Each structure stands twice: as C-alpha cells, then as structure tokens.
Amino acid sequence: EKNNNKAIFSVEINDIDMNYIKYKD
C-alpha cells in the first residue's frame, strides 16, 4: 500500500568526532 511506513534513527551524542576537538567537552 506504501502508506503505513515508519523509520526511526538515533545517534549517541557523546560518541562524536569534530574538528574543534578542544571544545568537545
């Protein structure tokens, strides 16, 4: 039917890499 679809995605906030590493905390 293509009308009863669902998607859920999540990310762990504390598991990141970033370019301003000194500001990660």
PDB file of all heavy atoms in Angstrom:
ATOM      1  N   GLU A   1       0.806  -1.226   0.000  1.00  0.00           N
ATOM      2  CA  GLU A   1       0.000   0.000   0.000  1.00  0.00           C
ATOM      3  C   GLU A   1       0.840   1.277   0.000  1.00  0.00           C
ATOM      4  O   GLU A   1       0.373   2.332  -0.382  1.00  0.00           O
ATOM      5  CB  GLU A   1      -0.936   0.009   1.217  1.00  0.00           C
ATOM      6  CG  GLU A   1      -1.910  -1.148   1.275  1.00  0.00           C
ATOM      7  CD  GLU A   1      -2.917  -1.129   0.146  1.00  0.00           C
ATOM      8  OE1 GLU A   1      -3.347  -0.025  -0.252  1.00  0.00           O
ATOM      9  OE2 GLU A   1      -3.263  -2.218  -0.340  1.00  0.00           O
ATOM     10  N   LYS A   2       2.069   1.197   0.518  1.00  0.00           N
ATOM     11  CA  LYS A   2       3.015   2.326   0.588  1.00  0.00           C
ATOM     12  C   LYS A   2       2.525   3.483   1.460  1.00  0.00           C
ATOM     13  O   LYS A   2       2.949   4.612   1.297  1.00  0.00           O
ATOM     14  CB  LYS A   2       3.354   2.860  -0.808  1.00  0.00           C
ATOM     15  CG  LYS A   2       4.047   1.853  -1.689  1.00  0.00           C
ATOM     16  CD  LYS A   2       4.485   2.477  -2.988  1.00  0.00           C
ATOM     17  CE  LYS A   2       5.223   1.452  -3.830  1.00  0.00           C
ATOM     18  NZ  LYS A   2       5.677   2.004  -5.096  1.00  0.00           N
ATOM     19  N   ASN A   3       1.628   3.228   2.394  1.00  0.00           N
ATOM     20  CA  ASN A   3       1.114   4.337   3.208  1.00  0.00           C
ATOM     21  C   ASN A   3       1.203   4.096   4.716  1.00  0.00           C
ATOM     22  O   ASN A   3       0.727   4.899   5.492  1.00  0.00           O
ATOM     23  CB  ASN A   3      -0.332   4.670   2.816  1.00  0.00           C
ATOM     24  CG  ASN A   3      -1.277   3.517   3.061  1.00  0.00           C
ATOM     25  OD1 ASN A   3      -0.903   2.521   3.670  1.00  0.00           O
ATOM     26  ND2 ASN A   3      -2.498   3.646   2.587  1.00  0.00           N
ATOM     27  N   ASN A   4       1.810   3.003   5.109  1.00  0.00           N
ATOM     28  CA  ASN A   4       1.918   2.716   6.540  1.00  0.00           C
ATOM     29  C   ASN A   4       3.376   2.371   6.864  1.00  0.00           C
ATOM     30  O   ASN A   4       3.682   1.309   7.356  1.00  0.00           O
ATOM     31  CB  ASN A   4       0.987   1.562   6.910  1.00  0.00           C
ATOM     32  CG  ASN A   4       0.851   1.399   8.404  1.00  0.00           C
ATOM     33  OD1 ASN A   4       1.139   2.322   9.166  1.00  0.00           O
ATOM     34  ND2 ASN A   4       0.434   0.235   8.840  1.00  0.00           N
ATOM     35  N   ASN A   5       4.261   3.329   6.552  1.00  0.00           N
ATOM     36  CA  ASN A   5       5.697   3.133   6.689  1.00  0.00           C
ATOM     37  C   ASN A   5       6.210   3.860   7.925  1.00  0.00           C
ATOM     38  O   ASN A   5       5.598   4.810   8.395  1.00  0.00           O
ATOM     39  CB  ASN A   5       6.404   3.670   5.446  1.00  0.00           C
ATOM     40  CG  ASN A   5       5.804   3.102   4.180  1.00  0.00           C
ATOM     41  OD1 ASN A   5       6.006   1.952   3.849  1.00  0.00           O
ATOM     42  ND2 ASN A   5       5.022   3.916   3.480  1.00  0.00           N
ATOM     43  N   LYS A   6       7.369   3.417   8.408  1.00  0.00           N
ATOM     44  CA  LYS A   6       7.934   4.023   9.616  1.00  0.00           C
ATOM     45  C   LYS A   6       9.446   3.860   9.590  1.00  0.00           C
ATOM     46  O   LYS A   6       9.961   2.847   9.120  1.00  0.00           O
ATOM     47  CB  LYS A   6       7.368   3.345  10.853  1.00  0.00           C
ATOM     48  CG  LYS A   6       7.838   3.967  12.149  1.00  0.00           C
ATOM     49  CD  LYS A   6       7.094   3.381  13.326  1.00  0.00           C
ATOM     50  CE  LYS A   6       7.460   4.022  14.620  1.00  0.00           C
ATOM     51  NZ  LYS A   6       7.227   5.437  14.707  1.00  0.00           N
ATOM     52  N   ALA A   7      10.142   4.885  10.093  1.00  0.00           N
ATOM     53  CA  ALA A   7      11.596   4.807  10.240  1.00  0.00           C
ATOM     54  C   ALA A   7      11.996   5.528  11.521  1.00  0.00           C
ATOM     55  O   ALA A   7      11.438   6.574  11.845  1.00  0.00           O
ATOM     56  CB  ALA A   7      12.295   5.436   9.045  1.00  0.00           C
ATOM     57  N   ILE A   8      12.943   4.946  12.245  1.00  0.00           N
ATOM     58  CA  ILE A   8      13.495   5.573  13.449  1.00  0.00           C
ATOM     59  C   ILE A   8      15.008   5.412  13.406  1.00  0.00           C
ATOM     60  O   ILE A   8      15.513   4.310  13.182  1.00  0.00           O
ATOM     61  CB  ILE A   8      12.943   4.938  14.744  1.00  0.00           C
ATOM     62  CG1 ILE A   8      11.431   5.121  14.845  1.00  0.00           C
ATOM     63  CG2 ILE A   8      13.634   5.534  15.965  1.00  0.00           C
ATOM     64  CD1 ILE A   8      10.802   4.461  16.049  1.00  0.00           C
ATOM     65  N   PHE A   9      15.703   6.531  13.623  1.00  0.00           N
ATOM     66  CA  PHE A   9      17.162   6.517  13.682  1.00  0.00           C
ATOM     67  C   PHE A   9      17.599   7.314  14.901  1.00  0.00           C
ATOM     68  O   PHE A   9      16.953   8.295  15.280  1.00  0.00           O
ATOM     69  CB  PHE A   9      17.774   7.132  12.420  1.00  0.00           C
ATOM     70  CG  PHE A   9      17.478   6.345  11.181  1.00  0.00           C
ATOM     71  CD1 PHE A   9      16.427   6.686  10.353  1.00  0.00           C
ATOM     72  CD2 PHE A   9      18.245   5.241  10.856  1.00  0.00           C
ATOM     73  CE1 PHE A   9      16.140   5.956   9.221  1.00  0.00           C
ATOM     74  CE2 PHE A   9      17.964   4.494   9.720  1.00  0.00           C
ATOM     75  CZ  PHE A   9      16.914   4.847   8.903  1.00  0.00           C
ATOM     76  N   SER A  10      18.702   6.897  15.504  1.00  0.00           N
ATOM     77  CA  SER A  10      19.234   7.632  16.657  1.00  0.00           C
ATOM     78  C   SER A  10      20.750   7.663  16.587  1.00  0.00           C
ATOM     79  O   SER A  10      21.377   6.807  15.957  1.00  0.00           O
ATOM     80  CB  SER A  10      18.782   6.991  17.972  1.00  0.00           C
ATOM     81  OG  SER A  10      19.375   5.715  18.130  1.00  0.00           O
ATOM     82  N   VAL A  11      21.324   8.679  17.235  1.00  0.00           N
ATOM     83  CA  VAL A  11      22.775   8.787  17.369  1.00  0.00           C
ATOM     84  C   VAL A  11      23.115   8.949  18.842  1.00  0.00           C
ATOM     85  O   VAL A  11      22.338   9.524  19.608  1.00  0.00           O
ATOM     86  CB  VAL A  11      23.363   9.975  16.564  1.00  0.00           C
ATOM     87  CG1 VAL A  11      23.161   9.777  15.074  1.00  0.00           C
ATOM     88  CG2 VAL A  11      22.790  11.300  17.032  1.00  0.00           C
ATOM     89  N   GLU A  12      24.273   8.416  19.221  1.00  0.00           N
ATOM     90  CA  GLU A  12      24.796   8.622  20.579  1.00  0.00           C
ATOM     91  C   GLU A  12      25.527   9.959  20.586  1.00  0.00           C
ATOM     92  O   GLU A  12      26.505  10.135  19.858  1.00  0.00           O
ATOM     93  CB  GLU A  12      25.763   7.502  20.964  1.00  0.00           C
ATOM     94  CG  GLU A  12      25.122   6.153  21.130  1.00  0.00           C
ATOM     95  CD  GLU A  12      24.371   6.005  22.440  1.00  0.00           C
ATOM     96  OE1 GLU A  12      24.611   6.797  23.382  1.00  0.00           O
ATOM     97  OE2 GLU A  12      23.516   5.116  22.510  1.00  0.00           O
ATOM     98  N   ILE A  13      25.050  10.894  21.390  1.00  0.00           N
ATOM     99  CA  ILE A  13      25.606  12.240  21.410  1.00  0.00           C
ATOM    100  C   ILE A  13      27.070  12.249  21.827  1.00  0.00           C
ATOM    101  O   ILE A  13      27.884  12.976  21.252  1.00  0.00           O
ATOM    102  CB  ILE A  13      24.779  13.145  22.360  1.00  0.00           C
ATOM    103  CG1 ILE A  13      23.348  13.308  21.830  1.00  0.00           C
ATOM    104  CG2 ILE A  13      25.446  14.498  22.554  1.00  0.00           C
ATOM    105  CD1 ILE A  13      23.224  14.037  20.526  1.00  0.00           C
ATOM    106  N   ASN A  14      27.437  11.454  22.815  1.00  0.00           N
ATOM    107  CA  ASN A  14      28.805  11.550  23.342  1.00  0.00           C
ATOM    108  C   ASN A  14      29.843  10.845  22.478  1.00  0.00           C
ATOM    109  O   ASN A  14      31.037  10.950  22.732  1.00  0.00           O
ATOM    110  CB  ASN A  14      28.889  11.048  24.784  1.00  0.00           C
ATOM    111  CG  ASN A  14      28.549   9.580  24.902  1.00  0.00           C
ATOM    112  OD1 ASN A  14      28.188   8.939  23.926  1.00  0.00           O
ATOM    113  ND2 ASN A  14      28.649   9.053  26.100  1.00  0.00           N
ATOM    114  N   ASP A  15      29.424  10.135  21.433  1.00  0.00           N
ATOM    115  CA  ASP A  15      30.372   9.448  20.551  1.00  0.00           C
ATOM    116  C   ASP A  15      30.504  10.229  19.244  1.00  0.00           C
ATOM    117  O   ASP A  15      29.978   9.836  18.202  1.00  0.00           O
ATOM    118  CB  ASP A  15      29.915   8.012  20.300  1.00  0.00           C
ATOM    119  CG  ASP A  15      30.992   7.186  19.622  1.00  0.00           C
ATOM    120  OD1 ASP A  15      32.143   7.655  19.501  1.00  0.00           O
ATOM    121  OD2 ASP A  15      30.675   6.063  19.188  1.00  0.00           O
ATOM    122  N   ILE A  16      31.210  11.367  19.319  1.00  0.00           N
ATOM    123  CA  ILE A  16      31.396  12.206  18.143  1.00  0.00           C
ATOM    124  C   ILE A  16      32.882  12.477  17.901  1.00  0.00           C
ATOM    125  O   ILE A  16      33.696  12.431  18.815  1.00  0.00           O
ATOM    126  CB  ILE A  16      30.658  13.567  18.269  1.00  0.00           C
ATOM    127  CG1 ILE A  16      31.186  14.384  19.446  1.00  0.00           C
ATOM    128  CG2 ILE A  16      29.168  13.396  18.350  1.00  0.00           C
ATOM    129  CD1 ILE A  16      30.716  15.822  19.442  1.00  0.00           C
ATOM    130  N   ASP A  17      33.178  12.758  16.645  1.00  0.00           N
ATOM    131  CA  ASP A  17      34.469  13.316  16.247  1.00  0.00           C
ATOM    132  C   ASP A  17      34.172  14.694  15.694  1.00  0.00           C
ATOM    133  O   ASP A  17      33.149  14.894  15.026  1.00  0.00           O
ATOM    134  CB  ASP A  17      35.130  12.459  15.159  1.00  0.00           C
ATOM    135  CG  ASP A  17      35.572  11.103  15.670  1.00  0.00           C
ATOM    136  OD1 ASP A  17      35.974  11.025  16.848  1.00  0.00           O
ATOM    137  OD2 ASP A  17      35.530  10.135  14.895  1.00  0.00           O
ATOM    138  N   MET A  18      35.059  15.655  15.971  1.00  0.00           N
ATOM    139  CA  MET A  18      34.836  17.014  15.460  1.00  0.00           C
ATOM    140  C   MET A  18      36.157  17.713  15.221  1.00  0.00           C
ATOM    141  O   MET A  18      37.192  17.312  15.758  1.00  0.00           O
ATOM    142  CB  MET A  18      33.960  17.814  16.425  1.00  0.00           C
ATOM    143  CG  MET A  18      34.500  17.936  17.836  1.00  0.00           C
ATOM    144  SD  MET A  18      33.377  18.771  18.971  1.00  0.00           S
ATOM    145  CE  MET A  18      33.483  20.445  18.396  1.00  0.00           C
ATOM    146  N   ASN A  19      36.107  18.776  14.397  1.00  0.00           N
ATOM    147  CA  ASN A  19      37.333  19.481  14.048  1.00  0.00           C
ATOM    148  C   ASN A  19      37.829  20.389  15.182  1.00  0.00           C
ATOM    149  O   ASN A  19      39.026  20.608  15.293  1.00  0.00           O
ATOM    150  CB  ASN A  19      37.158  20.271  12.748  1.00  0.00           C
ATOM    151  CG  ASN A  19      36.033  21.300  12.803  1.00  0.00           C
ATOM    152  OD1 ASN A  19      35.134  21.198  13.636  1.00  0.00           O
ATOM    153  ND2 ASN A  19      36.059  22.278  11.918  1.00  0.00           N
ATOM    154  N   TYR A  20      36.962  20.892  16.036  1.00  0.00           N
ATOM    155  CA  TYR A  20      37.371  21.700  17.192  1.00  0.00           C
ATOM    156  C   TYR A  20      37.457  20.787  18.409  1.00  0.00           C
ATOM    157  O   TYR A  20      36.678  20.902  19.353  1.00  0.00           O
ATOM    158  CB  TYR A  20      36.373  22.822  17.453  1.00  0.00           C
ATOM    159  CG  TYR A  20      36.466  23.985  16.479  1.00  0.00           C
ATOM    160  CD1 TYR A  20      35.610  24.067  15.382  1.00  0.00           C
ATOM    161  CD2 TYR A  20      37.386  25.009  16.682  1.00  0.00           C
ATOM    162  CE1 TYR A  20      35.692  25.128  14.494  1.00  0.00           C
ATOM    163  CE2 TYR A  20      37.476  26.078  15.804  1.00  0.00           C
ATOM    164  CZ  TYR A  20      36.618  26.127  14.711  1.00  0.00           C
ATOM    165  OH  TYR A  20      36.702  27.190  13.830  1.00  0.00           O
ATOM    166  N   ILE A  21      38.404  19.871  18.405  1.00  0.00           N
ATOM    167  CA  ILE A  21      38.479  18.834  19.431  1.00  0.00           C
ATOM    168  C   ILE A  21      38.630  19.406  20.842  1.00  0.00           C
ATOM    169  O   ILE A  21      38.122  18.835  21.806  1.00  0.00           O
ATOM    170  CB  ILE A  21      39.608  17.816  19.105  1.00  0.00           C
ATOM    171  CG1 ILE A  21      39.434  16.539  19.925  1.00  0.00           C
ATOM    172  CG2 ILE A  21      40.986  18.414  19.277  1.00  0.00           C
ATOM    173  CD1 ILE A  21      38.233  15.739  19.592  1.00  0.00           C
ATOM    174  N   LYS A  22      39.289  20.561  20.976  1.00  0.00           N
ATOM    175  CA  LYS A  22      39.466  21.136  22.316  1.00  0.00           C
ATOM    176  C   LYS A  22      38.148  21.629  22.921  1.00  0.00           C
ATOM    177  O   LYS A  22      38.069  21.866  24.120  1.00  0.00           O
ATOM    178  CB  LYS A  22      40.511  22.256  22.303  1.00  0.00           C
ATOM    179  CG  LYS A  22      40.138  23.488  21.515  1.00  0.00           C
ATOM    180  CD  LYS A  22      41.268  24.505  21.563  1.00  0.00           C
ATOM    181  CE  LYS A  22      40.925  25.751  20.767  1.00  0.00           C
ATOM    182  NZ  LYS A  22      41.995  26.746  20.821  1.00  0.00           N
ATOM    183  N   TYR A  23      37.108  21.760  22.086  1.00  0.00           N
ATOM    184  CA  TYR A  23      35.799  22.195  22.584  1.00  0.00           C
ATOM    185  C   TYR A  23      34.812  21.030  22.722  1.00  0.00           C
ATOM    186  O   TYR A  23      33.624  21.246  22.960  1.00  0.00           O
ATOM    187  CB  TYR A  23      35.195  23.261  21.671  1.00  0.00           C
ATOM    188  CG  TYR A  23      35.990  24.549  21.665  1.00  0.00           C
ATOM    189  CD1 TYR A  23      36.643  24.967  20.512  1.00  0.00           C
ATOM    190  CD2 TYR A  23      36.091  25.324  22.810  1.00  0.00           C
ATOM    191  CE1 TYR A  23      37.388  26.152  20.508  1.00  0.00           C
ATOM    192  CE2 TYR A  23      36.830  26.507  22.816  1.00  0.00           C
ATOM    193  CZ  TYR A  23      37.471  26.906  21.658  1.00  0.00           C
ATOM    194  OH  TYR A  23      38.205  28.062  21.656  1.00  0.00           O
ATOM    195  N   LYS A  24      35.293  19.814  22.578  1.00  0.00           N
ATOM    196  CA  LYS A  24      34.394  18.652  22.633  1.00  0.00           C
ATOM    197  C   LYS A  24      33.693  18.557  23.985  1.00  0.00           C
ATOM    198  O   LYS A  24      32.479  18.327  24.045  1.00  0.00           O
ATOM    199  CB  LYS A  24      35.170  17.364  22.346  1.00  0.00           C
ATOM    200  CG  LYS A  24      34.293  16.137  22.315  1.00  0.00           C
ATOM    201  CD  LYS A  24      35.056  14.878  21.925  1.00  0.00           C
ATOM    202  CE  LYS A  24      34.153  13.663  21.983  1.00  0.00           C
ATOM    203  NZ  LYS A  24      34.855  12.435  21.597  1.00  0.00           N
ATOM    204  N   ASP A  25      34.422  18.741  25.083  1.00  0.00           N
ATOM    205  CA  ASP A  25      33.790  18.674  26.419  1.00  0.00           C
ATOM    206  C   ASP A  25      32.724  19.745  26.585  1.00  0.00           C
ATOM    207  O   ASP A  25      31.674  19.499  27.183  1.00  0.00           O
ATOM    208  CB  ASP A  25      34.850  18.798  27.518  1.00  0.00           C
ATOM    209  CG  ASP A  25      35.715  17.554  27.633  1.00  0.00           C
ATOM    210  OD1 ASP A  25      35.291  16.485  27.135  1.00  0.00           O
ATOM    211  OD2 ASP A  25      36.815  17.648  28.206  1.00  0.00           O
TER     212      ASP A  25
END
